[in-house]
Amino acid sequence: MLSQPIRYTFGGDEQLFAEISDEMSLDAFFKSLSMVEAIKKQAMEGILDVCLANASFQIRFNPDVIHPDDLLIKVKAIESLTRHQQSQCLETRIVEIPVLYNDPWTHETLMRFRDRHQDPNATDLEYAARINGLQDTQAFIDAHSGSPWFVSMVGFVSGLPFMFQMVEQEKQLEVPKYLSPRTDTPKQTLGHGGCFGCIYSVRGAGGYQMFGITPSPIYDPQQSLSYFKDSMVFFRTGDIVQFKPLARDEYDHILEQVEAGDYAPKTRPFSFNLEDYQADPEGYKKTIMEVLYVD
């Protein structure tokens, strides 16, 4: 459990930013989650929104209703009360995301932007494998898809999940972003920057390394598929993601299902316990896999 105090700063007249830690960790996420839940529970007058992020949270408030200094005093009091009552459990779900690694569309895109990359003579997968000390791109794909990922934040672009790999810190895959951003990234690209994985929800600019593409829509403003009936955004903070490598024919089959309106990703409800995970990360990973793939 993290012991250092939260660092608070104001952003303009209507934002209070709270930084839990300089580094992302599940401890930092759960401390942030505990604070957000406690603040929402108090329903303070003048608070307009509380937004949870990777290792921080932000409060949007009306300064005409609550003075910034008064808000800070109240939030610090909540921090003191929750210091020894941090949430350890989260009711969430496990989600399977199929991925065509090393696909032709991200490959064509990354080749157009080699002048912005650390290694113009290698693909993103080849570069990622090499700097992580792995034998080849298949070894990298095995490592990337061989462990679950925890969604610690949804945003920046509508529906885009930021994901933290659920392995011991020394085993985490880390890859820097492009030296300068691309002006194009295919929709539903599997990306990676620093310690974070993501899925680009829409086509557009981006700087994360590109490893593959999923046929599974994650953002649907028209809510045309059944699994978007409650929200145009698929991912939720706290989701646990398991990537499933696909062959090209499997990818094409899922695309046909999407186009016919008959597709939905495999999901299972799950009660995540931080203490149990930290006590036995490898064993907990097996539990997650059993939940997802046992009928």
Protein backbone atom coordinates (compact mmCIF):
# COMPACT_ATOMS: atom_id res chain seq x y z
CA MET A 1 0.00 0.00 0.00
CA LEU A 2 1.32 3.46 -0.89
CA SER A 3 2.21 5.64 2.09
CA GLN A 4 3.26 8.94 0.53
CA PRO A 5 0.74 11.81 0.66
CA ILE A 6 -1.18 12.84 -2.43
CA ARG A 7 0.18 15.86 -4.31
CA TYR A 8 -2.50 18.45 -5.14
CA THR A 9 -2.38 21.23 -7.72
CA PHE A 10 -5.04 23.52 -9.15
CA GLY A 11 -5.66 23.71 -12.88
CA GLY A 12 -7.24 27.05 -13.64
CA ASP A 13 -10.26 28.14 -11.61
CA GLU A 14 -12.32 24.95 -11.83
CA GLN A 15 -9.98 21.95 -11.58
CA LEU A 16 -8.22 20.23 -8.70
CA PHE A 17 -5.65 17.64 -9.80
CA ALA A 18 -4.51 14.94 -7.38
CA GLU A 19 -1.37 12.94 -8.21
CA ILE A 20 -1.13 9.65 -6.31
CA SER A 21 2.26 8.57 -7.63
CA ASP A 22 4.85 9.39 -10.30
CA GLU A 23 4.62 5.78 -11.48
CA MET A 24 1.68 3.67 -12.52
CA SER A 25 1.00 0.65 -10.31
CA LEU A 26 -2.07 -1.24 -9.19
CA ASP A 27 -1.48 0.16 -5.69
CA ALA A 28 -1.63 3.70 -7.08
CA PHE A 29 -4.74 2.91 -9.10
CA PHE A 30 -6.59 1.44 -6.12
CA LYS A 31 -5.64 4.36 -3.87
CA SER A 32 -6.98 6.72 -6.52
CA LEU A 33 -10.11 4.58 -6.85
CA SER A 34 -10.70 4.70 -3.09
CA MET A 35 -10.44 8.47 -3.08
CA VAL A 36 -12.80 8.89 -6.04
CA GLU A 37 -15.39 6.59 -4.47
CA ALA A 38 -15.19 8.43 -1.13
CA ILE A 39 -15.49 11.87 -2.75
CA LYS A 40 -18.50 10.80 -4.80
CA LYS A 41 -20.13 9.26 -1.73
CA GLN A 42 -19.95 12.57 0.13
CA ALA A 43 -21.81 14.34 -2.72
CA MET A 44 -20.26 17.71 -1.90
CA GLU A 45 -22.13 20.70 -3.24
CA GLY A 46 -20.20 22.41 -6.02
CA ILE A 47 -18.40 19.32 -7.34
CA LEU A 48 -19.37 18.79 -10.98
CA ASP A 49 -17.30 15.76 -11.89
CA VAL A 50 -14.59 13.45 -10.55
CA CYS A 51 -12.43 11.73 -13.18
CA LEU A 52 -10.29 8.69 -12.35
CA ALA A 53 -7.01 8.22 -14.25
CA ASN A 54 -4.01 5.86 -14.17
CA ALA A 55 -2.38 7.04 -10.94
CA SER A 56 -4.32 10.24 -10.30
CA PHE A 57 -7.74 11.82 -10.35
CA GLN A 58 -9.16 15.23 -11.18
CA ILE A 59 -12.10 17.14 -9.72
CA ARG A 60 -14.06 19.70 -11.70
CA PHE A 61 -15.91 22.12 -9.44
CA ASN A 62 -17.87 25.36 -9.46
CA PRO A 63 -15.80 28.01 -7.61
CA ASP A 64 -18.94 30.11 -7.14
CA VAL A 65 -20.39 27.31 -5.01
CA ILE A 66 -17.31 25.97 -3.21
CA HIS A 67 -14.11 27.95 -2.70
CA PRO A 68 -10.99 26.14 -3.99
CA ASP A 69 -9.29 26.32 -0.58
CA ASP A 70 -12.36 24.85 1.12
CA LEU A 71 -12.48 22.05 -1.43
CA LEU A 72 -8.82 21.23 -0.86
CA ILE A 73 -9.35 21.06 2.91
CA LYS A 74 -12.28 18.67 2.49
CA VAL A 75 -10.45 16.43 0.02
CA LYS A 76 -7.39 16.24 2.28
CA ALA A 77 -9.68 15.25 5.15
CA ILE A 78 -11.07 12.43 2.99
CA GLU A 79 -7.50 11.37 2.20
CA SER A 80 -6.76 11.13 5.91
CA LEU A 81 -9.88 9.05 6.56
CA THR A 82 -9.25 6.63 3.68
CA ARG A 83 -5.51 6.21 4.24
CA HIS A 84 -6.04 2.92 6.06
CA GLN A 85 -9.27 1.96 4.32
CA GLN A 86 -8.08 1.59 0.74
CA SER A 87 -10.26 -0.48 -1.57
CA GLN A 88 -8.72 -3.88 -2.25
CA CYS A 89 -11.59 -5.44 -4.21
CA LEU A 90 -13.21 -4.45 -7.47
CA GLU A 91 -16.25 -5.96 -9.14
CA THR A 92 -15.27 -5.95 -12.78
CA ARG A 93 -15.15 -8.21 -15.85
CA ILE A 94 -12.61 -10.10 -17.93
CA VAL A 95 -12.69 -9.26 -21.64
CA GLU A 96 -11.19 -11.21 -24.54
CA ILE A 97 -9.88 -8.99 -27.36
CA PRO A 98 -8.91 -10.84 -30.57
CA VAL A 99 -5.87 -9.39 -32.35
CA LEU A 100 -4.30 -9.91 -35.75
CA TYR A 101 -0.68 -9.17 -34.85
CA ASN A 102 1.66 -7.93 -37.60
CA ASP A 103 -1.32 -7.12 -39.83
CA PRO A 104 -0.96 -5.52 -43.30
CA TRP A 105 -2.73 -2.24 -42.42
CA THR A 106 -0.60 -1.14 -39.48
CA HIS A 107 2.46 -2.47 -41.34
CA GLU A 108 1.69 -0.23 -44.32
CA THR A 109 1.17 2.72 -41.97
CA LEU A 110 4.33 2.22 -39.94
CA MET A 111 6.40 1.92 -43.12
CA ARG A 112 5.16 5.37 -44.20
CA PHE A 113 6.49 6.88 -40.96
CA ARG A 114 9.91 5.23 -40.52
CA ASP A 115 11.58 8.66 -40.56
CA ARG A 116 9.85 9.34 -37.21
CA HIS A 117 10.94 6.09 -35.60
CA GLN A 118 13.91 5.19 -33.40
CA ASP A 119 14.89 2.38 -35.77
CA PRO A 120 13.96 3.13 -39.41
CA ASN A 121 15.32 -0.26 -40.50
CA ALA A 122 12.99 -2.36 -38.33
CA THR A 123 9.24 -2.69 -37.91
CA ASP A 124 7.62 -1.69 -34.62
CA LEU A 125 7.33 -5.34 -33.57
CA GLU A 126 10.96 -6.07 -34.47
CA TYR A 127 12.13 -3.01 -32.54
CA ALA A 128 9.96 -3.86 -29.52
CA ALA A 129 11.23 -7.44 -29.44
CA ARG A 130 14.86 -6.36 -29.63
CA ILE A 131 14.80 -3.72 -26.89
CA ASN A 132 12.91 -6.07 -24.58
CA GLY A 133 15.57 -8.75 -25.03
CA LEU A 134 13.30 -11.19 -26.84
CA GLN A 135 14.45 -13.53 -29.57
CA ASP A 136 12.04 -12.44 -32.31
CA THR A 137 8.63 -10.91 -33.01
CA GLN A 138 6.80 -14.15 -32.19
CA ALA A 139 8.41 -14.18 -28.76
CA PHE A 140 7.21 -10.62 -28.25
CA ILE A 141 3.67 -11.53 -29.36
CA ASP A 142 3.72 -14.49 -26.96
CA ALA A 143 4.79 -12.22 -24.09
CA HIS A 144 2.24 -9.54 -25.02
CA SER A 145 -0.69 -11.95 -25.28
CA GLY A 146 0.51 -14.28 -22.52
CA SER A 147 -0.65 -12.14 -19.61
CA PRO A 148 -3.77 -10.12 -18.78
CA TRP A 149 -3.89 -6.32 -18.93
CA PHE A 150 -5.66 -4.01 -16.49
CA VAL A 151 -7.60 -1.02 -17.88
CA SER A 152 -6.56 1.84 -15.61
CA MET A 153 -8.11 4.69 -17.61
CA VAL A 154 -10.49 5.26 -20.52
CA GLY A 155 -10.18 8.54 -22.38
CA PHE A 156 -7.91 11.04 -24.12
CA VAL A 157 -9.75 9.94 -27.27
CA SER A 158 -13.33 8.72 -26.86
CA GLY A 159 -13.33 5.06 -25.89
CA LEU A 160 -9.54 4.58 -25.87
CA PRO A 161 -8.38 2.27 -23.04
CA PHE A 162 -5.00 2.65 -21.34
CA MET A 163 -3.87 -0.78 -20.13
CA PHE A 164 -1.27 -1.86 -17.59
CA GLN A 165 0.29 -5.31 -17.97
CA MET A 166 -0.44 -7.59 -15.02
CA VAL A 167 3.02 -9.02 -14.47
CA GLU A 168 5.85 -8.33 -12.05
CA GLN A 169 7.48 -4.97 -12.79
CA GLU A 170 10.72 -6.51 -14.07
CA LYS A 171 8.74 -8.51 -16.65
CA GLN A 172 6.71 -5.61 -18.04
CA LEU A 173 7.09 -4.87 -21.73
CA GLU A 174 8.28 -1.31 -22.25
CA VAL A 175 8.67 0.50 -25.56
CA PRO A 176 9.09 4.25 -26.11
CA LYS A 177 6.71 6.23 -28.29
CA TYR A 178 7.75 7.35 -31.78
CA LEU A 179 10.31 10.18 -31.84
CA SER A 180 7.56 12.36 -33.34
CA PRO A 181 3.88 11.41 -33.77
CA ARG A 182 2.39 9.97 -36.91
CA THR A 183 -0.41 11.80 -38.68
CA ASP A 184 -2.24 8.51 -39.25
CA THR A 185 -3.11 5.39 -37.24
CA PRO A 186 -5.70 2.82 -38.34
CA LYS A 187 -8.82 2.44 -36.22
CA GLN A 188 -8.61 -0.36 -33.63
CA THR A 189 -4.81 -0.50 -33.73
CA LEU A 190 -3.11 -2.17 -30.80
CA GLY A 191 -0.54 0.34 -29.57
CA HIS A 192 2.12 0.62 -26.88
CA GLY A 193 4.00 3.52 -25.33
CA GLY A 194 6.14 3.33 -22.19
CA CYS A 195 4.54 0.69 -19.97
CA PHE A 196 1.04 1.28 -21.33
CA GLY A 197 -0.86 -0.60 -23.98
CA CYS A 198 -3.84 0.93 -25.74
CA ILE A 199 -6.33 0.37 -28.54
CA TYR A 200 -6.94 3.31 -30.86
CA SER A 201 -10.72 3.73 -30.94
CA VAL A 202 -10.75 5.92 -34.06
CA ARG A 203 -8.42 6.60 -36.96
CA GLY A 204 -6.11 9.55 -36.40
CA ALA A 205 -2.74 10.80 -35.26
CA GLY A 206 -0.71 8.79 -32.77
CA GLY A 207 2.72 8.11 -31.37
CA TYR A 208 2.48 4.65 -29.85
CA GLN A 209 4.24 1.67 -31.43
CA MET A 210 1.82 -0.42 -33.54
CA PHE A 211 1.68 -4.19 -33.04
CA GLY A 212 -1.57 -5.30 -34.67
CA ILE A 213 -5.25 -4.60 -35.10
CA THR A 214 -8.44 -5.97 -33.56
CA PRO A 215 -11.62 -6.66 -35.54
CA SER A 216 -13.63 -5.99 -32.38
CA PRO A 217 -15.14 -2.46 -32.36
CA ILE A 218 -14.56 -0.62 -29.07
CA TYR A 219 -16.33 2.66 -29.85
CA ASP A 220 -19.68 2.88 -31.64
CA PRO A 221 -21.45 6.29 -31.63
CA GLN A 222 -24.38 4.73 -33.52
CA GLN A 223 -24.60 1.89 -30.95
CA SER A 224 -25.38 -0.50 -33.80
CA LEU A 225 -23.97 -3.64 -32.16
CA SER A 226 -25.77 -5.26 -29.22
CA TYR A 227 -22.92 -4.84 -26.74
CA PHE A 228 -23.07 -1.04 -27.17
CA LYS A 229 -26.74 -0.77 -26.17
CA ASP A 230 -25.90 0.85 -22.79
CA SER A 231 -22.93 2.94 -23.92
CA MET A 232 -21.16 3.91 -27.13
CA VAL A 233 -17.88 3.19 -25.28
CA PHE A 234 -17.09 -0.48 -24.69
CA PHE A 235 -14.27 -0.37 -22.13
CA ARG A 236 -14.69 0.50 -18.46
CA THR A 237 -12.04 1.42 -15.95
CA GLY A 238 -11.06 -1.75 -14.12
CA ASP A 239 -11.66 -4.14 -17.02
CA ILE A 240 -9.16 -6.99 -17.29
CA VAL A 241 -8.17 -7.68 -20.91
CA GLN A 242 -6.85 -10.90 -22.39
CA PHE A 243 -5.53 -10.61 -25.96
CA LYS A 244 -6.13 -13.58 -28.27
CA PRO A 245 -3.84 -13.85 -31.34
CA LEU A 246 -5.69 -14.49 -34.60
CA ALA A 247 -4.86 -15.93 -37.97
CA ARG A 248 -5.98 -13.89 -40.97
CA ASP A 249 -8.96 -16.15 -41.74
CA GLU A 250 -10.15 -15.85 -38.13
CA TYR A 251 -9.85 -12.07 -38.34
CA ASP A 252 -11.90 -12.02 -41.57
CA HIS A 253 -14.56 -14.25 -40.01
CA ILE A 254 -15.02 -11.89 -37.05
CA LEU A 255 -15.24 -8.93 -39.44
CA GLU A 256 -18.07 -10.73 -41.23
CA GLN A 257 -19.84 -11.18 -37.90
CA VAL A 258 -19.37 -7.49 -37.08
CA GLU A 259 -20.77 -6.43 -40.43
CA ALA A 260 -23.76 -8.74 -39.96
CA GLY A 261 -24.40 -7.30 -36.49
CA ASP A 262 -23.90 -10.71 -34.85
CA TYR A 263 -20.64 -10.14 -32.98
CA ALA A 264 -19.92 -9.51 -29.32
CA PRO A 265 -16.59 -9.99 -27.51
CA LYS A 266 -16.33 -12.71 -24.90
CA THR A 267 -16.72 -11.29 -21.36
CA ARG A 268 -17.03 -12.77 -17.89
CA PRO A 269 -17.82 -11.06 -14.55
CA PHE A 270 -14.93 -11.15 -12.09
CA SER A 271 -14.18 -10.07 -8.51
CA PHE A 272 -10.62 -8.76 -8.56
CA ASN A 273 -8.74 -8.80 -5.25
CA LEU A 274 -5.54 -6.76 -5.15
CA GLU A 275 -4.04 -8.57 -2.14
CA ASP A 276 -4.61 -12.00 -3.67
CA TYR A 277 -3.06 -10.86 -6.95
CA GLN A 278 0.01 -9.38 -5.28
CA ALA A 279 0.49 -12.51 -3.16
CA ASP A 280 0.63 -14.79 -6.21
CA PRO A 281 0.65 -12.96 -9.58
CA GLU A 282 1.28 -16.08 -11.66
CA GLY A 283 -1.39 -18.10 -9.92
CA TYR A 284 -3.86 -15.24 -10.21
CA LYS A 285 -3.22 -15.02 -13.96
CA LYS A 286 -4.20 -18.67 -14.26
CA THR A 287 -7.39 -17.95 -12.32
CA ILE A 288 -8.27 -15.16 -14.78
CA MET A 289 -7.69 -17.47 -17.74
CA GLU A 290 -9.87 -20.18 -16.18
CA VAL A 291 -12.72 -17.73 -15.62
CA LEU A 292 -12.59 -16.52 -19.21
CA TYR A 293 -12.33 -19.87 -20.97
CA VAL A 294 -14.39 -22.23 -18.82
CA ASP A 295 -17.95 -22.49 -20.12
